[in-house]
Amino acid sequence: FGYNKQFNGTSASTANVSGVASLVWSANSSLSAGQIKAIISETAYDLGEKGNDLVYGNGFINADAAVRRALAIARGFG
């Protein structure tokens, strides 16, 4: 399939993050882009050094937790 081992990092994750951002927004369309970014960052599984780092960024994206957070905010629990 022409897989390239050099295709990684932010280039490879863009499609996944965009998809999760769409799910979060569909769960709560009143969220701003900044709020969606914060939700995705805060609900990611932290990898590597604690917090945001140069190797893993904010970590491994967690779509389920991000959508649940968006729903909680929509219901007034955020």
PDB file of N, CA and C in Angstrom:
ATOM      1  N   PHE A   1       0.802  -1.201   0.000  1.00  0.00           N
ATOM      2  CA  PHE A   1       0.000   0.000   0.000  1.00  0.00           C
ATOM      3  C   PHE A   1       0.842   1.262   0.000  1.00  0.00           C
ATOM      4  N   GLY A   2       2.136   1.154  -0.157  1.00  0.00           N
ATOM      5  CA  GLY A   2       2.999   2.321  -0.188  1.00  0.00           C
ATOM      6  C   GLY A   2       3.186   2.958   1.180  1.00  0.00           C
ATOM      7  N   TYR A   3       3.097   2.152   2.250  1.00  0.00           N
ATOM      8  CA  TYR A   3       3.276   2.691   3.603  1.00  0.00           C
ATOM      9  C   TYR A   3       4.660   3.279   3.758  1.00  0.00           C
ATOM     10  N   ASN A   4       4.730   4.451   4.350  1.00  0.00           N
ATOM     11  CA  ASN A   4       5.997   5.136   4.546  1.00  0.00           C
ATOM     12  C   ASN A   4       6.242   5.279   6.040  1.00  0.00           C
ATOM     13  N   LYS A   5       7.311   4.685   6.542  1.00  0.00           N
ATOM     14  CA  LYS A   5       7.633   4.746   7.970  1.00  0.00           C
ATOM     15  C   LYS A   5       7.943   6.169   8.428  1.00  0.00           C
ATOM     16  N   GLN A   6       8.246   7.066   7.502  1.00  0.00           N
ATOM     17  CA  GLN A   6       8.562   8.445   7.855  1.00  0.00           C
ATOM     18  C   GLN A   6       7.288   9.293   8.052  1.00  0.00           C
ATOM     19  N   PHE A   7       6.140   8.739   7.690  1.00  0.00           N
ATOM     20  CA  PHE A   7       4.874   9.464   7.838  1.00  0.00           C
ATOM     21  C   PHE A   7       4.382   9.270   9.261  1.00  0.00           C
ATOM     22  N   ASN A   8       4.616  10.283  10.105  1.00  0.00           N
ATOM     23  CA  ASN A   8       4.237  10.174  11.505  1.00  0.00           C
ATOM     24  C   ASN A   8       4.034  11.567  12.082  1.00  0.00           C
ATOM     25  N   GLY A   9       3.852  11.639  13.364  1.00  0.00           N
ATOM     26  CA  GLY A   9       3.731  12.927  14.033  1.00  0.00           C
ATOM     27  C   GLY A   9       2.444  13.650  13.695  1.00  0.00           C
ATOM     28  N   THR A  10       2.531  14.973  13.652  1.00  0.00           N
ATOM     29  CA  THR A  10       1.327  15.779  13.450  1.00  0.00           C
ATOM     30  C   THR A  10       0.702  15.539  12.083  1.00  0.00           C
ATOM     31  N   SER A  11       1.508  15.252  11.073  1.00  0.00           N
ATOM     32  CA  SER A  11       0.952  14.988   9.747  1.00  0.00           C
ATOM     33  C   SER A  11       0.054  13.760   9.766  1.00  0.00           C
ATOM     34  N   ALA A  12       0.481  12.742  10.480  1.00  0.00           N
ATOM     35  CA  ALA A  12      -0.298  11.512  10.540  1.00  0.00           C
ATOM     36  C   ALA A  12      -1.505  11.633  11.457  1.00  0.00           C
ATOM     37  N   SER A  13      -1.422  12.470  12.460  1.00  0.00           N
ATOM     38  CA  SER A  13      -2.512  12.562  13.437  1.00  0.00           C
ATOM     39  C   SER A  13      -3.607  13.548  13.048  1.00  0.00           C
ATOM     40  N   THR A  14      -3.355  14.377  12.060  1.00  0.00           N
ATOM     41  CA  THR A  14      -4.311  15.420  11.690  1.00  0.00           C
ATOM     42  C   THR A  14      -5.691  14.857  11.377  1.00  0.00           C
ATOM     43  N   ALA A  15      -5.763  13.802  10.618  1.00  0.00           N
ATOM     44  CA  ALA A  15      -7.065  13.228  10.257  1.00  0.00           C
ATOM     45  C   ALA A  15      -7.806  12.711  11.487  1.00  0.00           C
ATOM     46  N   ASN A  16      -7.089  12.062  12.403  1.00  0.00           N
ATOM     47  CA  ASN A  16      -7.724  11.548  13.614  1.00  0.00           C
ATOM     48  C   ASN A  16      -8.236  12.678  14.497  1.00  0.00           C
ATOM     49  N   VAL A  17      -7.428  13.688  14.693  1.00  0.00           N
ATOM     50  CA  VAL A  17      -7.818  14.808  15.547  1.00  0.00           C
ATOM     51  C   VAL A  17      -8.988  15.566  14.924  1.00  0.00           C
ATOM     52  N   SER A  18      -8.976  15.739  13.611  1.00  0.00           N
ATOM     53  CA  SER A  18     -10.090  16.411  12.934  1.00  0.00           C
ATOM     54  C   SER A  18     -11.385  15.629  13.109  1.00  0.00           C
ATOM     55  N   GLY A  19     -11.288  14.311  13.024  1.00  0.00           N
ATOM     56  CA  GLY A  19     -12.474  13.476  13.222  1.00  0.00           C
ATOM     57  C   GLY A  19     -13.017  13.577  14.634  1.00  0.00           C
ATOM     58  N   VAL A  20     -12.136  13.550  15.613  1.00  0.00           N
ATOM     59  CA  VAL A  20     -12.578  13.666  17.004  1.00  0.00           C
ATOM     60  C   VAL A  20     -13.143  15.064  17.265  1.00  0.00           C
ATOM     61  N   ALA A  21     -12.523  16.085  16.695  1.00  0.00           N
ATOM     62  CA  ALA A  21     -13.061  17.439  16.851  1.00  0.00           C
ATOM     63  C   ALA A  21     -14.481  17.516  16.291  1.00  0.00           C
ATOM     64  N   SER A  22     -14.721  16.855  15.181  1.00  0.00           N
ATOM     65  CA  SER A  22     -16.067  16.826  14.601  1.00  0.00           C
ATOM     66  C   SER A  22     -17.050  16.110  15.510  1.00  0.00           C
ATOM     67  N   LEU A  23     -16.619  15.021  16.114  1.00  0.00           N
ATOM     68  CA  LEU A  23     -17.484  14.301  17.061  1.00  0.00           C
ATOM     69  C   LEU A  23     -17.812  15.166  18.274  1.00  0.00           C
ATOM     70  N   VAL A  24     -16.807  15.847  18.793  1.00  0.00           N
ATOM     71  CA  VAL A  24     -17.006  16.715  19.957  1.00  0.00           C
ATOM     72  C   VAL A  24     -17.981  17.831  19.614  1.00  0.00           C
ATOM     73  N   TRP A  25     -17.797  18.438  18.457  1.00  0.00           N
ATOM     74  CA  TRP A  25     -18.676  19.530  18.038  1.00  0.00           C
ATOM     75  C   TRP A  25     -20.097  19.034  17.786  1.00  0.00           C
ATOM     76  N   SER A  26     -20.235  17.805  17.258  1.00  0.00           N
ATOM     77  CA  SER A  26     -21.579  17.259  17.035  1.00  0.00           C
ATOM     78  C   SER A  26     -22.273  16.961  18.359  1.00  0.00           C
ATOM     79  N   ALA A  27     -21.498  16.666  19.390  1.00  0.00           N
ATOM     80  CA  ALA A  27     -22.074  16.419  20.715  1.00  0.00           C
ATOM     81  C   ALA A  27     -22.503  17.710  21.383  1.00  0.00           C
ATOM     82  N   ASN A  28     -21.823  18.828  21.053  1.00  0.00           N
ATOM     83  CA  ASN A  28     -22.146  20.123  21.655  1.00  0.00           C
ATOM     84  C   ASN A  28     -21.734  21.221  20.676  1.00  0.00           C
ATOM     85  N   SER A  29     -22.670  21.622  19.823  1.00  0.00           N
ATOM     86  CA  SER A  29     -22.364  22.590  18.774  1.00  0.00           C
ATOM     87  C   SER A  29     -22.203  24.018  19.295  1.00  0.00           C
ATOM     88  N   SER A  30     -22.414  24.237  20.580  1.00  0.00           N
ATOM     89  CA  SER A  30     -22.220  25.585  21.132  1.00  0.00           C
ATOM     90  C   SER A  30     -20.772  25.830  21.554  1.00  0.00           C
ATOM     91  N   LEU A  31     -19.930  24.827  21.461  1.00  0.00           N
ATOM     92  CA  LEU A  31     -18.526  24.973  21.837  1.00  0.00           C
ATOM     93  C   LEU A  31     -17.765  25.762  20.780  1.00  0.00           C
ATOM     94  N   SER A  32     -16.821  26.567  21.234  1.00  0.00           N
ATOM     95  CA  SER A  32     -15.936  27.295  20.317  1.00  0.00           C
ATOM     96  C   SER A  32     -14.781  26.376  19.906  1.00  0.00           C
ATOM     97  N   ALA A  33     -14.054  26.800  18.903  1.00  0.00           N
ATOM     98  CA  ALA A  33     -12.888  26.028  18.466  1.00  0.00           C
ATOM     99  C   ALA A  33     -11.871  25.893  19.600  1.00  0.00           C
ATOM    100  N   GLY A  34     -11.682  26.961  20.352  1.00  0.00           N
ATOM    101  CA  GLY A  34     -10.749  26.915  21.482  1.00  0.00           C
ATOM    102  C   GLY A  34     -11.187  25.944  22.556  1.00  0.00           C
ATOM    103  N   GLN A  35     -12.497  25.889  22.818  1.00  0.00           N
ATOM    104  CA  GLN A  35     -13.011  24.948  23.814  1.00  0.00           C
ATOM    105  C   GLN A  35     -12.833  23.514  23.340  1.00  0.00           C
ATOM    106  N   ILE A  36     -13.071  23.271  22.062  1.00  0.00           N
ATOM    107  CA  ILE A  36     -12.897  21.922  21.504  1.00  0.00           C
ATOM    108  C   ILE A  36     -11.435  21.503  21.606  1.00  0.00           C
ATOM    109  N   LYS A  37     -10.525  22.410  21.276  1.00  0.00           N
ATOM    110  CA  LYS A  37      -9.096  22.114  21.395  1.00  0.00           C
ATOM    111  C   LYS A  37      -8.735  21.781  22.838  1.00  0.00           C
ATOM    112  N   ALA A  38      -9.250  22.564  23.779  1.00  0.00           N
ATOM    113  CA  ALA A  38      -8.959  22.320  25.194  1.00  0.00           C
ATOM    114  C   ALA A  38      -9.503  20.971  25.639  1.00  0.00           C
ATOM    115  N   ILE A  39     -10.710  20.638  25.226  1.00  0.00           N
ATOM    116  CA  ILE A  39     -11.311  19.354  25.603  1.00  0.00           C
ATOM    117  C   ILE A  39     -10.464  18.203  25.082  1.00  0.00           C
ATOM    118  N   ILE A  40     -10.062  18.280  23.828  1.00  0.00           N
ATOM    119  CA  ILE A  40      -9.254  17.202  23.245  1.00  0.00           C
ATOM    120  C   ILE A  40      -7.918  17.083  23.975  1.00  0.00           C
ATOM    121  N   SER A  41      -7.301  18.209  24.272  1.00  0.00           N
ATOM    122  CA  SER A  41      -6.010  18.193  24.970  1.00  0.00           C
ATOM    123  C   SER A  41      -6.136  17.647  26.386  1.00  0.00           C
ATOM    124  N   GLU A  42      -7.165  18.076  27.095  1.00  0.00           N
ATOM    125  CA  GLU A  42      -7.338  17.692  28.497  1.00  0.00           C
ATOM    126  C   GLU A  42      -7.770  16.244  28.681  1.00  0.00           C
ATOM    127  N   THR A  43      -8.408  15.658  27.672  1.00  0.00           N
ATOM    128  CA  THR A  43      -8.904  14.285  27.812  1.00  0.00           C
ATOM    129  C   THR A  43      -7.982  13.245  27.178  1.00  0.00           C
ATOM    130  N   ALA A  44      -6.887  13.683  26.568  1.00  0.00           N
ATOM    131  CA  ALA A  44      -5.943  12.745  25.955  1.00  0.00           C
ATOM    132  C   ALA A  44      -5.188  11.971  27.037  1.00  0.00           C
ATOM    133  N   TYR A  45      -4.817  10.730  26.702  1.00  0.00           N
ATOM    134  CA  TYR A  45      -3.965   9.944  27.599  1.00  0.00           C
ATOM    135  C   TYR A  45      -2.561  10.520  27.534  1.00  0.00           C
ATOM    136  N   ASP A  46      -2.028  10.925  28.655  1.00  0.00           N
ATOM    137  CA  ASP A  46      -0.692  11.521  28.692  1.00  0.00           C
ATOM    138  C   ASP A  46       0.355  10.443  28.447  1.00  0.00           C
ATOM    139  N   LEU A  47       1.258  10.711  27.515  1.00  0.00           N
ATOM    140  CA  LEU A  47       2.357   9.800  27.203  1.00  0.00           C
ATOM    141  C   LEU A  47       3.673  10.545  27.377  1.00  0.00           C
ATOM    142  N   GLY A  48       4.731   9.829  27.634  1.00  0.00           N
ATOM    143  CA  GLY A  48       6.038  10.473  27.760  1.00  0.00           C
ATOM    144  C   GLY A  48       6.128  11.317  29.011  1.00  0.00           C
ATOM    145  N   GLU A  49       6.797  12.461  28.873  1.00  0.00           N
ATOM    146  CA  GLU A  49       6.929  13.376  30.008  1.00  0.00           C
ATOM    147  C   GLU A  49       5.551  13.898  30.410  1.00  0.00           C
ATOM    148  N   LYS A  50       5.391  14.232  31.683  1.00  0.00           N
ATOM    149  CA  LYS A  50       4.109  14.719  32.174  1.00  0.00           C
ATOM    150  C   LYS A  50       3.716  16.008  31.451  1.00  0.00           C
ATOM    151  N   GLY A  51       2.482  16.059  30.987  1.00  0.00           N
ATOM    152  CA  GLY A  51       2.000  17.226  30.267  1.00  0.00           C
ATOM    153  C   GLY A  51       2.422  17.216  28.811  1.00  0.00           C
ATOM    154  N   ASN A  52       2.237  18.330  28.155  1.00  0.00           N
ATOM    155  CA  ASN A  52       2.596  18.458  26.749  1.00  0.00           C
ATOM    156  C   ASN A  52       4.111  18.366  26.592  1.00  0.00           C
ATOM    157  N   ASP A  53       4.556  17.550  25.628  1.00  0.00           N
ATOM    158  CA  ASP A  53       5.988  17.440  25.372  1.00  0.00           C
ATOM    159  C   ASP A  53       6.246  17.371  23.869  1.00  0.00           C
ATOM    160  N   LEU A  54       7.509  17.471  23.492  1.00  0.00           N
ATOM    161  CA  LEU A  54       7.877  17.525  22.080  1.00  0.00           C
ATOM    162  C   LEU A  54       7.696  16.205  21.347  1.00  0.00           C
ATOM    163  N   VAL A  55       7.697  15.095  22.057  1.00  0.00           N
ATOM    164  CA  VAL A  55       7.586  13.790  21.409  1.00  0.00           C
ATOM    165  C   VAL A  55       6.131  13.393  21.213  1.00  0.00           C
ATOM    166  N   TYR A  56       5.307  13.533  22.240  1.00  0.00           N
ATOM    167  CA  TYR A  56       3.926  13.048  22.202  1.00  0.00           C
ATOM    168  C   TYR A  56       2.874  14.152  22.192  1.00  0.00           C
ATOM    169  N   GLY A  57       3.276  15.399  22.232  1.00  0.00           N
ATOM    170  CA  GLY A  57       2.289  16.486  22.299  1.00  0.00           C
ATOM    171  C   GLY A  57       1.467  16.351  23.560  1.00  0.00           C
ATOM    172  N   ASN A  58       0.162  16.314  23.418  1.00  0.00           N
ATOM    173  CA  ASN A  58      -0.724  16.135  24.570  1.00  0.00           C
ATOM    174  C   ASN A  58      -1.002  14.665  24.854  1.00  0.00           C
ATOM    175  N   GLY A  59      -0.487  13.769  24.021  1.00  0.00           N
ATOM    176  CA  GLY A  59      -0.657  12.345  24.265  1.00  0.00           C
ATOM    177  C   GLY A  59      -1.525  11.672  23.233  1.00  0.00           C
ATOM    178  N   PHE A  60      -2.126  10.575  23.635  1.00  0.00           N
ATOM    179  CA  PHE A  60      -2.946   9.726  22.769  1.00  0.00           C
ATOM    180  C   PHE A  60      -4.398  10.189  22.861  1.00  0.00           C
ATOM    181  N   ILE A  61      -4.959  10.592  21.750  1.00  0.00           N
ATOM    182  CA  ILE A  61      -6.311  11.154  21.751  1.00  0.00           C
ATOM    183  C   ILE A  61      -7.334  10.136  22.275  1.00  0.00           C
ATOM    184  N   ASN A  62      -8.292  10.621  23.053  1.00  0.00           N
ATOM    185  CA  ASN A  62      -9.315   9.767  23.658  1.00  0.00           C
ATOM    186  C   ASN A  62     -10.679  10.304  23.230  1.00  0.00           C
ATOM    187  N   ALA A  63     -11.187   9.788  22.116  1.00  0.00           N
ATOM    188  CA  ALA A  63     -12.444  10.280  21.546  1.00  0.00           C
ATOM    189  C   ALA A  63     -13.609  10.130  22.521  1.00  0.00           C
ATOM    190  N   ASP A  64     -13.687   9.001  23.188  1.00  0.00           N
ATOM    191  CA  ASP A  64     -14.796   8.751  24.117  1.00  0.00           C
ATOM    192  C   ASP A  64     -14.827   9.793  25.231  1.00  0.00           C
ATOM    193  N   ALA A  65     -13.691  10.024  25.865  1.00  0.00           N
ATOM    194  CA  ALA A  65     -13.631  10.997  26.959  1.00  0.00           C
ATOM    195  C   ALA A  65     -13.930  12.407  26.462  1.00  0.00           C
ATOM    196  N   ALA A  66     -13.451  12.739  25.271  1.00  0.00           N
ATOM    197  CA  ALA A  66     -13.683  14.080  24.725  1.00  0.00           C
ATOM    198  C   ALA A  66     -15.166  14.314  24.455  1.00  0.00           C
ATOM    199  N   VAL A  67     -15.829  13.341  23.868  1.00  0.00           N
ATOM    200  CA  VAL A  67     -17.267  13.478  23.589  1.00  0.00           C
ATOM    201  C   VAL A  67     -18.062  13.521  24.894  1.00  0.00           C
ATOM    202  N   ARG A  68     -17.692  12.695  25.840  1.00  0.00           N
ATOM    203  CA  ARG A  68     -18.387  12.717  27.140  1.00  0.00           C
ATOM    204  C   ARG A  68     -18.224  14.067  27.833  1.00  0.00           C
ATOM    205  N   ARG A  69     -17.050  14.674  27.742  1.00  0.00           N
ATOM    206  CA  ARG A  69     -16.828  15.991  28.329  1.00  0.00           C
ATOM    207  C   ARG A  69     -17.701  17.029  27.636  1.00  0.00           C
ATOM    208  N   ALA A  70     -17.794  16.962  26.308  1.00  0.00           N
ATOM    209  CA  ALA A  70     -18.629  17.907  25.559  1.00  0.00           C
ATOM    210  C   ALA A  70     -20.098  17.754  25.946  1.00  0.00           C
ATOM    211  N   LEU A  71     -20.556  16.530  26.116  1.00  0.00           N
ATOM    212  CA  LEU A  71     -21.941  16.289  26.535  1.00  0.00           C
ATOM    213  C   LEU A  71     -22.185  16.798  27.945  1.00  0.00           C
ATOM    214  N   ALA A  72     -21.223  16.597  28.827  1.00  0.00           N
ATOM    215  CA  ALA A  72     -21.359  17.085  30.199  1.00  0.00           C
ATOM    216  C   ALA A  72     -21.471  18.604  30.231  1.00  0.00           C
ATOM    217  N   ILE A  73     -20.671  19.274  29.417  1.00  0.00           N
ATOM    218  CA  ILE A  73     -20.737  20.726  29.350  1.00  0.00           C
ATOM    219  C   ILE A  73     -22.092  21.171  28.806  1.00  0.00           C
ATOM    220  N   ALA A  74     -22.598  20.468  27.809  1.00  0.00           N
ATOM    221  CA  ALA A  74     -23.905  20.801  27.237  1.00  0.00           C
ATOM    222  C   ALA A  74     -25.017  20.655  28.279  1.00  0.00           C
ATOM    223  N   ARG A  75     -24.845  19.739  29.193  1.00  0.00           N
ATOM    224  CA  ARG A  75     -25.863  19.483  30.224  1.00  0.00           C
ATOM    225  C   ARG A  75     -25.644  20.300  31.501  1.00  0.00           C
ATOM    226  N   GLY A  76     -24.647  21.187  31.447  1.00  0.00           N
ATOM    227  CA  GLY A  76     -24.405  22.075  32.571  1.00  0.00           C
ATOM    228  C   GLY A  76     -23.501  21.533  33.646  1.00  0.00           C
ATOM    229  N   PHE A  77     -22.753  20.477  33.336  1.00  0.00           N
ATOM    230  CA  PHE A  77     -21.843  19.895  34.318  1.00  0.00           C
ATOM    231  C   PHE A  77     -20.390  20.181  33.994  1.00  0.00           C
ATOM    232  N   GLY A  78     -20.130  21.252  33.252  1.00  0.00           N
ATOM    233  CA  GLY A  78     -18.763  21.496  32.818  1.00  0.00           C
ATOM    234  C   GLY A  78     -18.199  22.659  33.471  1.00  0.00           C
TER     235      GLY A  78
END
